[in-house]
Amino acid sequence: MAEKAKFSVSIDAELGTALRQYAAAEDEQISAVISRALEQYLDDRRLIRAGLRAMADYEAAHGPFTESERAEADDWAAGLFERAGEQRPGEERRSA
């Protein structure tokens, strides 16, 4: 069994309520839900950092990205979010 570390954190009351409800509905401990979410968050951040490093390395070797390349990359990323049914970063969620 992995060694455990205890933390004390404060979160928004609504988020705490949603967390308790989710954990209860899934018959899981809150700690398990938080651990999985934090692991995913940290993995995502590692991936983003690696991508940013790769972009910086590319630009250092080949020069800055052109406006056309940036627009193409933006369109490609937008397509990923649309296929996943998610909102794009920086985009406000609209209600019907």
C-alpha atoms as a PDB file:
ATOM      1  CA  MET A   1       0.000   0.000   0.000  1.00  0.00           C
ATOM      2  CA  ALA A   2       1.311   3.448  -0.916  1.00  0.00           C
ATOM      3  CA  GLU A   3       2.266   5.834   1.833  1.00  0.00           C
ATOM      4  CA  LYS A   4      -0.401   8.458   2.464  1.00  0.00           C
ATOM      5  CA  ALA A   5       0.045  12.187   3.103  1.00  0.00           C
ATOM      6  CA  LYS A   6      -2.638  14.244   4.794  1.00  0.00           C
ATOM      7  CA  PHE A   7      -3.483  17.728   3.508  1.00  0.00           C
ATOM      8  CA  SER A   8      -5.895  20.366   4.672  1.00  0.00           C
ATOM      9  CA  VAL A   9      -7.409  22.470   1.891  1.00  0.00           C
ATOM     10  CA  SER A  10     -10.262  24.923   1.538  1.00  0.00           C
ATOM     11  CA  ILE A  11     -12.595  24.781  -1.455  1.00  0.00           C
ATOM     12  CA  ASP A  12     -15.707  26.630  -2.514  1.00  0.00           C
ATOM     13  CA  ALA A  13     -18.773  25.384  -0.601  1.00  0.00           C
ATOM     14  CA  GLU A  14     -20.650  24.479  -3.809  1.00  0.00           C
ATOM     15  CA  LEU A  15     -17.697  22.454  -5.037  1.00  0.00           C
ATOM     16  CA  GLY A  16     -17.528  20.675  -1.682  1.00  0.00           C
ATOM     17  CA  THR A  17     -21.212  19.792  -1.903  1.00  0.00           C
ATOM     18  CA  ALA A  18     -20.806  18.509  -5.458  1.00  0.00           C
ATOM     19  CA  LEU A  19     -17.777  16.462  -4.388  1.00  0.00           C
ATOM     20  CA  ARG A  20     -19.653  14.852  -1.495  1.00  0.00           C
ATOM     21  CA  GLN A  21     -22.644  14.086  -3.725  1.00  0.00           C
ATOM     22  CA  TYR A  22     -20.468  12.571  -6.440  1.00  0.00           C
ATOM     23  CA  ALA A  23     -18.483  10.436  -3.996  1.00  0.00           C
ATOM     24  CA  ALA A  24     -21.682   9.186  -2.353  1.00  0.00           C
ATOM     25  CA  ALA A  25     -23.332   8.411  -5.698  1.00  0.00           C
ATOM     26  CA  GLU A  26     -20.248   6.461  -6.814  1.00  0.00           C
ATOM     27  CA  ASP A  27     -19.863   4.820  -3.382  1.00  0.00           C
ATOM     28  CA  GLU A  28     -16.303   6.144  -3.151  1.00  0.00           C
ATOM     29  CA  GLN A  29     -14.258   7.898  -0.535  1.00  0.00           C
ATOM     30  CA  ILE A  30     -13.777  11.620  -1.134  1.00  0.00           C
ATOM     31  CA  SER A  31     -10.012  11.101  -0.867  1.00  0.00           C
ATOM     32  CA  ALA A  32     -10.077   8.624  -3.769  1.00  0.00           C
ATOM     33  CA  VAL A  33     -12.051  11.034  -5.974  1.00  0.00           C
ATOM     34  CA  ILE A  34      -9.700  13.915  -5.164  1.00  0.00           C
ATOM     35  CA  SER A  35      -6.595  11.761  -5.700  1.00  0.00           C
ATOM     36  CA  ARG A  36      -7.759  10.708  -9.182  1.00  0.00           C
ATOM     37  CA  ALA A  37      -8.700  14.270 -10.129  1.00  0.00           C
ATOM     38  CA  LEU A  38      -5.390  15.647  -8.888  1.00  0.00           C
ATOM     39  CA  GLU A  39      -3.437  12.932 -10.685  1.00  0.00           C
ATOM     40  CA  GLN A  40      -5.226  13.773 -13.949  1.00  0.00           C
ATOM     41  CA  TYR A  41      -4.664  17.502 -13.412  1.00  0.00           C
ATOM     42  CA  LEU A  42      -0.935  17.025 -12.797  1.00  0.00           C
ATOM     43  CA  ASP A  43      -0.603  14.688 -15.805  1.00  0.00           C
ATOM     44  CA  ASP A  44      -2.331  17.302 -17.984  1.00  0.00           C
ATOM     45  CA  ARG A  45       0.019  20.022 -16.732  1.00  0.00           C
ATOM     46  CA  ARG A  46       3.097  17.852 -17.398  1.00  0.00           C
ATOM     47  CA  LEU A  47       1.876  17.269 -20.946  1.00  0.00           C
ATOM     48  CA  ILE A  48       1.258  20.976 -21.491  1.00  0.00           C
ATOM     49  CA  ARG A  49       4.724  21.866 -20.167  1.00  0.00           C
ATOM     50  CA  ALA A  50       6.325  19.255 -22.434  1.00  0.00           C
ATOM     51  CA  GLY A  51       4.424  20.639 -25.433  1.00  0.00           C
ATOM     52  CA  LEU A  52       5.468  24.201 -24.654  1.00  0.00           C
ATOM     53  CA  ARG A  53       9.104  23.084 -24.315  1.00  0.00           C
ATOM     54  CA  ALA A  54       8.880  21.268 -27.655  1.00  0.00           C
ATOM     55  CA  MET A  55       7.436  24.387 -29.301  1.00  0.00           C
ATOM     56  CA  ALA A  56      10.198  26.565 -27.844  1.00  0.00           C
ATOM     57  CA  ASP A  57      12.844  24.087 -29.023  1.00  0.00           C
ATOM     58  CA  TYR A  58      11.309  24.029 -32.512  1.00  0.00           C
ATOM     59  CA  GLU A  59      11.229  27.814 -32.699  1.00  0.00           C
ATOM     60  CA  ALA A  60      14.821  28.020 -31.450  1.00  0.00           C
ATOM     61  CA  ALA A  61      15.916  25.691 -34.257  1.00  0.00           C
ATOM     62  CA  HIS A  62      13.616  26.899 -37.073  1.00  0.00           C
ATOM     63  CA  GLY A  63      12.500  30.409 -36.164  1.00  0.00           C
ATOM     64  CA  PRO A  64       9.168  31.688 -34.851  1.00  0.00           C
ATOM     65  CA  PHE A  65       5.913  30.189 -36.029  1.00  0.00           C
ATOM     66  CA  THR A  66       4.233  32.191 -38.783  1.00  0.00           C
ATOM     67  CA  GLU A  67       0.755  33.676 -38.399  1.00  0.00           C
ATOM     68  CA  SER A  68      -0.460  31.074 -40.891  1.00  0.00           C
ATOM     69  CA  GLU A  69       1.022  28.238 -38.825  1.00  0.00           C
ATOM     70  CA  ARG A  70      -0.531  29.670 -35.654  1.00  0.00           C
ATOM     71  CA  ALA A  71      -3.950  29.966 -37.338  1.00  0.00           C
ATOM     72  CA  GLU A  72      -3.683  26.390 -38.608  1.00  0.00           C
ATOM     73  CA  ALA A  73      -2.782  25.171 -35.114  1.00  0.00           C
ATOM     74  CA  ASP A  74      -5.690  27.128 -33.587  1.00  0.00           C
ATOM     75  CA  ASP A  75      -8.119  25.581 -36.082  1.00  0.00           C
ATOM     76  CA  TRP A  76      -6.731  22.099 -35.392  1.00  0.00           C
ATOM     77  CA  ALA A  77      -7.084  22.555 -31.623  1.00  0.00           C
ATOM     78  CA  ALA A  78     -10.610  23.967 -32.002  1.00  0.00           C
ATOM     79  CA  GLY A  79     -11.566  20.850 -33.937  1.00  0.00           C
ATOM     80  CA  LEU A  80     -10.325  18.664 -31.091  1.00  0.00           C
ATOM     81  CA  PHE A  81     -12.489  20.503 -28.581  1.00  0.00           C
ATOM     82  CA  GLU A  82     -15.518  20.383 -30.858  1.00  0.00           C
ATOM     83  CA  ARG A  83     -15.175  16.616 -31.375  1.00  0.00           C
ATOM     84  CA  ALA A  84     -14.798  16.132 -27.638  1.00  0.00           C
ATOM     85  CA  GLY A  85     -17.878  18.279 -26.970  1.00  0.00           C
ATOM     86  CA  GLU A  86     -15.889  20.659 -24.790  1.00  0.00           C
ATOM     87  CA  GLN A  87     -15.594  24.395 -24.772  1.00  0.00           C
ATOM     88  CA  ARG A  88     -12.403  25.935 -26.098  1.00  0.00           C
ATOM     89  CA  PRO A  89      -9.997  27.531 -23.601  1.00  0.00           C
ATOM     90  CA  GLY A  90     -10.940  31.146 -23.026  1.00  0.00           C
ATOM     91  CA  GLU A  91     -14.379  30.621 -24.556  1.00  0.00           C
ATOM     92  CA  GLU A  92     -17.466  31.360 -22.491  1.00  0.00           C
ATOM     93  CA  ARG A  93     -20.086  28.654 -22.167  1.00  0.00           C
ATOM     94  CA  ARG A  94     -23.315  29.679 -23.873  1.00  0.00           C
ATOM     95  CA  SER A  95     -26.763  28.554 -22.796  1.00  0.00           C
ATOM     96  CA  ALA A  96     -29.523  27.759 -25.249  1.00  0.00           C
END
